[in-house]
């Protein structure tokens, strides 16, 4: 189970928001984590990810340099710091977990590979 702890909301262009998820019911340090988003009328989009043990980070070009993903394996939490927000960042944001089934498993950006999903929260960037 993955539960969103911090709400989204309305923010002006150039502003910042921080989202967090708390995981339970599975071994959090053994799961890769990602943040996906979905805008109205569009399919889900992978934005950022962080690997299970080594905590390597990965970013989509659309958010690189503006978003920072992090995790705390002692608290079973995942966070997304969003800075310099743009209107095109407007979407429902979801945290998701993927089990690490092999030692050298390649990090995935495919939503179908993720087992647990948070409930999602709306982020709106507008003046």
N, C-alpha and C. Protein backbone atom coordinates (compact mmCIF):
# COMPACT_ATOMS: atom_id res chain seq x y z
N UNK A 1 0.83 -1.18 0.00
CA UNK A 1 0.00 0.00 0.00
C UNK A 1 0.87 1.25 0.00
N UNK A 2 0.47 2.23 -0.82
CA UNK A 2 1.16 3.51 -0.87
C UNK A 2 0.11 4.59 -0.67
N UNK A 3 0.34 5.47 0.28
CA UNK A 3 -0.61 6.50 0.62
C UNK A 3 0.03 7.88 0.53
N UNK A 4 -0.64 8.78 -0.16
CA UNK A 4 -0.16 10.14 -0.28
C UNK A 4 -0.31 10.86 1.05
N UNK A 5 0.76 11.52 1.50
CA UNK A 5 0.73 12.24 2.77
C UNK A 5 0.53 13.74 2.59
N UNK A 6 1.06 14.29 1.52
CA UNK A 6 0.96 15.72 1.27
C UNK A 6 0.00 15.98 0.11
N UNK A 7 -0.84 16.97 0.25
CA UNK A 7 -1.79 17.33 -0.77
C UNK A 7 -1.14 18.14 -1.87
N UNK A 8 -1.74 18.08 -3.05
CA UNK A 8 -1.36 18.98 -4.12
C UNK A 8 -2.02 20.31 -3.90
N UNK A 9 -2.35 20.97 -4.98
CA UNK A 9 -3.03 22.24 -4.84
C UNK A 9 -2.79 23.15 -6.02
N UNK A 10 -3.16 24.40 -5.84
CA UNK A 10 -3.02 25.43 -6.87
C UNK A 10 -1.77 26.26 -6.58
N UNK A 11 -0.94 26.43 -7.59
CA UNK A 11 0.28 27.21 -7.45
C UNK A 11 0.49 28.05 -8.71
N UNK A 12 1.06 29.22 -8.53
CA UNK A 12 1.33 30.09 -9.67
C UNK A 12 2.57 29.61 -10.43
N UNK A 13 2.65 29.91 -11.72
CA UNK A 13 3.86 29.57 -12.47
C UNK A 13 5.10 30.10 -11.78
N UNK A 14 6.13 29.25 -11.72
CA UNK A 14 7.36 29.60 -11.02
C UNK A 14 7.37 29.21 -9.56
N UNK A 15 6.24 28.76 -9.05
CA UNK A 15 6.13 28.37 -7.66
C UNK A 15 6.62 26.96 -7.40
N UNK A 16 6.48 26.52 -6.15
CA UNK A 16 6.98 25.21 -5.74
C UNK A 16 5.94 24.44 -4.93
N UNK A 17 6.01 23.12 -5.01
CA UNK A 17 5.21 22.22 -4.19
C UNK A 17 6.05 21.01 -3.83
N UNK A 18 5.69 20.36 -2.73
CA UNK A 18 6.36 19.13 -2.32
C UNK A 18 5.30 18.07 -2.05
N UNK A 19 5.45 16.92 -2.68
CA UNK A 19 4.55 15.79 -2.50
C UNK A 19 5.29 14.67 -1.77
N UNK A 20 4.56 13.91 -0.95
CA UNK A 20 5.16 12.79 -0.23
C UNK A 20 4.21 11.61 -0.20
N UNK A 21 4.78 10.40 -0.20
CA UNK A 21 4.02 9.17 -0.06
C UNK A 21 4.62 8.34 1.06
N UNK A 22 3.76 7.61 1.76
CA UNK A 22 4.19 6.67 2.78
C UNK A 22 3.80 5.26 2.35
N UNK A 23 4.74 4.32 2.46
CA UNK A 23 4.52 2.94 2.04
C UNK A 23 4.34 2.02 3.24
N UNK A 24 3.49 1.01 3.08
CA UNK A 24 3.29 0.01 4.12
C UNK A 24 2.83 -1.29 3.48
N UNK A 25 3.04 -2.40 4.18
CA UNK A 25 2.59 -3.69 3.70
C UNK A 25 3.55 -4.39 2.75
N UNK A 26 4.68 -3.79 2.47
CA UNK A 26 5.71 -4.42 1.66
C UNK A 26 7.07 -3.89 2.09
N UNK A 27 8.12 -4.57 1.63
CA UNK A 27 9.47 -4.21 2.03
C UNK A 27 9.94 -3.04 1.16
N UNK A 28 9.73 -1.85 1.65
CA UNK A 28 9.98 -0.63 0.88
C UNK A 28 11.39 -0.56 0.29
N UNK A 29 12.46 -0.88 1.03
CA UNK A 29 13.80 -0.79 0.45
C UNK A 29 14.04 -1.73 -0.73
N UNK A 30 13.16 -2.70 -0.97
CA UNK A 30 13.30 -3.63 -2.08
C UNK A 30 12.47 -3.23 -3.30
N UNK A 31 11.89 -2.04 -3.29
CA UNK A 31 11.05 -1.57 -4.38
C UNK A 31 11.61 -0.30 -5.01
N UNK A 32 11.67 -0.29 -6.35
CA UNK A 32 11.91 0.95 -7.08
C UNK A 32 10.65 1.81 -6.97
N UNK A 33 10.83 3.12 -6.95
CA UNK A 33 9.71 4.04 -6.81
C UNK A 33 9.72 5.08 -7.92
N UNK A 34 8.53 5.49 -8.34
CA UNK A 34 8.40 6.51 -9.38
C UNK A 34 7.23 7.42 -9.10
N UNK A 35 7.29 8.59 -9.71
CA UNK A 35 6.16 9.51 -9.76
C UNK A 35 5.65 9.58 -11.19
N UNK A 36 4.37 9.31 -11.36
CA UNK A 36 3.68 9.45 -12.64
C UNK A 36 2.70 10.61 -12.54
N UNK A 37 2.30 11.14 -13.69
CA UNK A 37 1.27 12.15 -13.71
C UNK A 37 0.38 11.94 -14.93
N UNK A 38 -0.85 12.41 -14.82
CA UNK A 38 -1.79 12.27 -15.92
C UNK A 38 -2.61 13.56 -16.04
N UNK A 39 -2.50 14.20 -17.17
CA UNK A 39 -3.27 15.40 -17.46
C UNK A 39 -4.61 15.00 -18.08
N UNK A 40 -5.62 15.86 -17.94
CA UNK A 40 -6.93 15.54 -18.52
C UNK A 40 -6.84 15.25 -20.01
N UNK A 41 -7.44 14.15 -20.43
CA UNK A 41 -7.45 13.78 -21.83
C UNK A 41 -6.17 13.17 -22.35
N UNK A 42 -5.20 12.95 -21.48
CA UNK A 42 -3.93 12.38 -21.89
C UNK A 42 -3.63 11.11 -21.09
N UNK A 43 -2.71 10.30 -21.60
CA UNK A 43 -2.31 9.09 -20.92
C UNK A 43 -1.32 9.37 -19.80
N UNK A 44 -1.08 8.39 -18.94
CA UNK A 44 -0.11 8.57 -17.85
C UNK A 44 1.28 8.86 -18.38
N UNK A 45 2.00 9.73 -17.68
CA UNK A 45 3.35 10.12 -18.05
C UNK A 45 4.29 9.88 -16.88
N UNK A 46 5.36 9.14 -17.10
CA UNK A 46 6.39 8.97 -16.09
C UNK A 46 7.20 10.25 -16.00
N UNK A 47 7.46 10.73 -14.79
CA UNK A 47 8.21 11.97 -14.60
C UNK A 47 9.57 11.76 -13.94
N UNK A 48 9.65 10.86 -12.97
CA UNK A 48 10.88 10.69 -12.21
C UNK A 48 10.86 9.36 -11.47
N UNK A 49 12.04 8.85 -11.14
CA UNK A 49 12.13 7.60 -10.43
C UNK A 49 13.39 7.51 -9.60
N UNK A 50 13.38 6.59 -8.65
CA UNK A 50 14.53 6.36 -7.78
C UNK A 50 14.61 4.88 -7.48
N UNK A 51 15.80 4.31 -7.59
CA UNK A 51 15.97 2.88 -7.42
C UNK A 51 15.91 2.49 -5.95
N UNK A 52 15.76 1.20 -5.70
CA UNK A 52 15.46 0.70 -4.37
C UNK A 52 16.58 0.91 -3.36
N UNK A 53 17.73 0.27 -3.59
CA UNK A 53 18.81 0.30 -2.62
C UNK A 53 19.83 1.40 -2.83
N UNK A 54 20.30 1.55 -4.07
CA UNK A 54 21.34 2.53 -4.37
C UNK A 54 20.82 3.96 -4.45
N UNK A 55 19.51 4.11 -4.59
CA UNK A 55 18.85 5.42 -4.68
C UNK A 55 19.35 6.26 -5.85
N UNK A 56 19.64 5.59 -6.97
CA UNK A 56 19.92 6.30 -8.20
C UNK A 56 18.64 6.98 -8.68
N UNK A 57 18.78 8.19 -9.22
CA UNK A 57 17.61 8.95 -9.65
C UNK A 57 17.56 9.07 -11.16
N UNK A 58 16.33 9.17 -11.68
CA UNK A 58 16.08 9.26 -13.12
C UNK A 58 14.98 10.29 -13.34
N UNK A 59 15.12 11.08 -14.42
CA UNK A 59 14.16 12.14 -14.68
C UNK A 59 13.79 12.21 -16.15
N UNK A 60 12.53 12.51 -16.41
CA UNK A 60 12.10 12.83 -17.76
C UNK A 60 12.65 14.20 -18.14
N UNK A 61 12.91 14.39 -19.43
CA UNK A 61 13.44 15.67 -19.89
C UNK A 61 12.53 16.84 -19.53
N UNK A 62 11.24 16.58 -19.46
CA UNK A 62 10.28 17.64 -19.19
C UNK A 62 10.39 18.21 -17.78
N UNK A 63 10.98 17.46 -16.85
CA UNK A 63 11.07 17.91 -15.46
C UNK A 63 12.49 18.03 -14.95
N UNK A 64 13.46 17.57 -15.71
CA UNK A 64 14.86 17.57 -15.27
C UNK A 64 15.31 18.99 -14.95
N UNK A 65 15.97 19.14 -13.81
CA UNK A 65 16.44 20.43 -13.36
C UNK A 65 15.43 21.19 -12.54
N UNK A 66 14.17 20.74 -12.52
CA UNK A 66 13.12 21.40 -11.77
C UNK A 66 12.56 20.52 -10.65
N UNK A 67 12.48 19.21 -10.91
CA UNK A 67 11.95 18.26 -9.93
C UNK A 67 13.08 17.47 -9.30
N UNK A 68 12.92 17.12 -8.03
CA UNK A 68 13.87 16.28 -7.33
C UNK A 68 13.14 15.18 -6.59
N UNK A 69 13.46 13.93 -6.91
CA UNK A 69 12.85 12.79 -6.24
C UNK A 69 13.80 12.29 -5.16
N UNK A 70 13.26 11.86 -4.03
CA UNK A 70 14.08 11.34 -2.95
C UNK A 70 13.29 10.29 -2.17
N UNK A 71 14.01 9.49 -1.39
CA UNK A 71 13.36 8.49 -0.55
C UNK A 71 14.11 8.35 0.76
N UNK A 72 13.39 7.95 1.78
CA UNK A 72 13.98 7.67 3.08
C UNK A 72 13.60 6.24 3.42
N UNK A 73 14.54 5.32 3.26
CA UNK A 73 14.26 3.91 3.48
C UNK A 73 14.10 3.54 4.95
N UNK A 74 14.47 4.44 5.85
CA UNK A 74 14.25 4.20 7.27
C UNK A 74 12.84 4.59 7.69
N UNK A 75 12.20 5.46 6.91
CA UNK A 75 10.84 5.92 7.20
C UNK A 75 9.82 5.42 6.18
N UNK A 76 10.27 4.69 5.16
CA UNK A 76 9.39 4.17 4.10
C UNK A 76 8.61 5.30 3.42
N UNK A 77 9.31 6.37 3.08
CA UNK A 77 8.67 7.51 2.45
C UNK A 77 9.34 7.88 1.14
N UNK A 78 8.55 8.44 0.24
CA UNK A 78 8.99 8.93 -1.06
C UNK A 78 8.53 10.36 -1.20
N UNK A 79 9.40 11.23 -1.74
CA UNK A 79 9.06 12.64 -1.89
C UNK A 79 9.37 13.13 -3.29
N UNK A 80 8.66 14.18 -3.68
CA UNK A 80 8.92 14.87 -4.94
C UNK A 80 8.88 16.37 -4.68
N UNK A 81 10.04 17.00 -4.81
CA UNK A 81 10.13 18.45 -4.70
C UNK A 81 10.01 19.03 -6.10
N UNK A 82 9.01 19.88 -6.30
CA UNK A 82 8.74 20.47 -7.61
C UNK A 82 8.98 21.97 -7.53
N UNK A 83 9.95 22.44 -8.28
CA UNK A 83 10.29 23.86 -8.34
C UNK A 83 10.07 24.40 -9.74
N UNK A 84 9.97 25.72 -9.83
CA UNK A 84 9.78 26.39 -11.11
C UNK A 84 8.65 25.76 -11.92
N UNK A 85 7.52 25.59 -11.29
CA UNK A 85 6.40 24.90 -11.91
C UNK A 85 5.86 25.69 -13.11
N UNK A 86 5.42 24.94 -14.12
CA UNK A 86 4.89 25.49 -15.35
C UNK A 86 3.45 25.04 -15.54
N UNK A 87 2.66 25.79 -16.31
CA UNK A 87 1.27 25.37 -16.55
C UNK A 87 1.17 23.95 -17.10
N UNK A 88 2.13 23.51 -17.90
CA UNK A 88 2.10 22.17 -18.46
C UNK A 88 2.37 21.08 -17.43
N UNK A 89 2.73 21.46 -16.20
CA UNK A 89 2.87 20.49 -15.12
C UNK A 89 1.53 20.14 -14.49
N UNK A 90 0.48 20.83 -14.88
CA UNK A 90 -0.85 20.57 -14.34
C UNK A 90 -1.28 19.15 -14.65
N UNK A 91 -1.59 18.37 -13.60
CA UNK A 91 -1.95 16.97 -13.77
C UNK A 91 -2.29 16.37 -12.41
N UNK A 92 -2.80 15.15 -12.44
CA UNK A 92 -2.93 14.36 -11.22
C UNK A 92 -1.65 13.55 -11.05
N UNK A 93 -1.04 13.65 -9.89
CA UNK A 93 0.24 13.00 -9.63
C UNK A 93 0.06 11.76 -8.77
N UNK A 94 0.76 10.68 -9.14
CA UNK A 94 0.69 9.40 -8.45
C UNK A 94 2.08 8.90 -8.08
N UNK A 95 2.23 8.38 -6.88
CA UNK A 95 3.44 7.64 -6.54
C UNK A 95 3.18 6.16 -6.78
N UNK A 96 4.22 5.44 -7.18
CA UNK A 96 4.06 4.04 -7.54
C UNK A 96 5.30 3.24 -7.16
N UNK A 97 5.10 1.95 -6.87
CA UNK A 97 6.17 1.07 -6.42
C UNK A 97 6.30 -0.14 -7.34
N UNK A 98 7.54 -0.51 -7.65
CA UNK A 98 7.83 -1.68 -8.47
C UNK A 98 8.77 -2.60 -7.72
N UNK A 99 8.41 -3.89 -7.56
CA UNK A 99 9.29 -4.80 -6.83
C UNK A 99 10.57 -5.08 -7.62
N UNK A 100 11.69 -5.18 -6.89
CA UNK A 100 12.96 -5.56 -7.48
C UNK A 100 13.05 -7.07 -7.47
N UNK A 101 12.89 -7.68 -8.64
CA UNK A 101 12.85 -9.13 -8.76
C UNK A 101 14.18 -9.75 -9.16
N UNK A 102 15.15 -8.93 -9.49
CA UNK A 102 16.48 -9.41 -9.85
C UNK A 102 17.51 -8.40 -9.36
N UNK A 103 18.69 -8.88 -9.07
CA UNK A 103 19.75 -8.02 -8.55
C UNK A 103 20.10 -6.91 -9.53
N UNK A 104 20.15 -7.23 -10.82
CA UNK A 104 20.53 -6.26 -11.85
C UNK A 104 19.34 -5.83 -12.69
N UNK A 105 18.18 -5.74 -12.08
CA UNK A 105 16.98 -5.31 -12.76
C UNK A 105 17.15 -3.88 -13.29
N UNK A 106 16.75 -3.67 -14.54
CA UNK A 106 16.82 -2.35 -15.16
C UNK A 106 15.66 -1.50 -14.66
N UNK A 107 15.93 -0.23 -14.36
CA UNK A 107 14.88 0.66 -13.89
C UNK A 107 13.84 0.86 -14.99
N UNK A 108 12.56 0.83 -14.61
CA UNK A 108 11.47 0.88 -15.57
C UNK A 108 10.70 2.19 -15.48
N UNK A 109 10.30 2.71 -16.66
CA UNK A 109 9.42 3.87 -16.76
C UNK A 109 8.02 3.46 -17.20
N UNK A 110 7.79 2.16 -17.27
CA UNK A 110 6.52 1.61 -17.75
C UNK A 110 5.55 1.44 -16.59
N UNK A 111 4.43 2.11 -16.65
CA UNK A 111 3.44 2.05 -15.58
C UNK A 111 2.94 0.64 -15.31
N UNK A 112 2.95 -0.22 -16.32
CA UNK A 112 2.46 -1.58 -16.15
C UNK A 112 3.38 -2.43 -15.29
N UNK A 113 4.60 -1.98 -15.05
CA UNK A 113 5.54 -2.71 -14.22
C UNK A 113 5.38 -2.40 -12.73
N UNK A 114 4.54 -1.44 -12.41
CA UNK A 114 4.40 -1.00 -11.02
C UNK A 114 3.21 -1.66 -10.35
N UNK A 115 3.45 -2.12 -9.14
CA UNK A 115 2.49 -2.95 -8.42
C UNK A 115 1.56 -2.15 -7.52
N UNK A 116 2.11 -1.21 -6.78
CA UNK A 116 1.34 -0.42 -5.83
C UNK A 116 1.27 1.03 -6.28
N UNK A 117 0.09 1.63 -6.11
CA UNK A 117 -0.15 3.02 -6.52
C UNK A 117 -0.81 3.81 -5.42
N UNK A 118 -0.38 5.05 -5.25
CA UNK A 118 -1.05 5.96 -4.36
C UNK A 118 -2.35 6.45 -4.96
N UNK A 119 -3.14 7.15 -4.16
CA UNK A 119 -4.47 7.58 -4.60
C UNK A 119 -4.43 8.74 -5.59
N UNK A 120 -3.33 9.44 -5.66
CA UNK A 120 -3.19 10.56 -6.58
C UNK A 120 -3.65 11.87 -5.99
N UNK A 121 -3.03 12.96 -6.43
CA UNK A 121 -3.42 14.28 -5.99
C UNK A 121 -3.29 15.27 -7.15
N UNK A 122 -4.20 16.23 -7.19
CA UNK A 122 -4.23 17.20 -8.28
C UNK A 122 -3.26 18.33 -8.02
N UNK A 123 -2.45 18.64 -9.02
CA UNK A 123 -1.57 19.80 -9.00
C UNK A 123 -1.97 20.69 -10.17
N UNK A 124 -2.33 21.93 -9.86
CA UNK A 124 -2.73 22.88 -10.88
C UNK A 124 -1.80 24.08 -10.84
N UNK A 125 -1.20 24.39 -11.98
CA UNK A 125 -0.29 25.53 -12.10
C UNK A 125 -0.96 26.55 -13.00
N UNK A 126 -1.35 27.66 -12.41
CA UNK A 126 -2.09 28.67 -13.15
C UNK A 126 -1.98 30.02 -12.45
N UNK A 127 -2.07 31.09 -13.25
CA UNK A 127 -2.10 32.43 -12.70
C UNK A 127 -3.51 32.82 -12.28
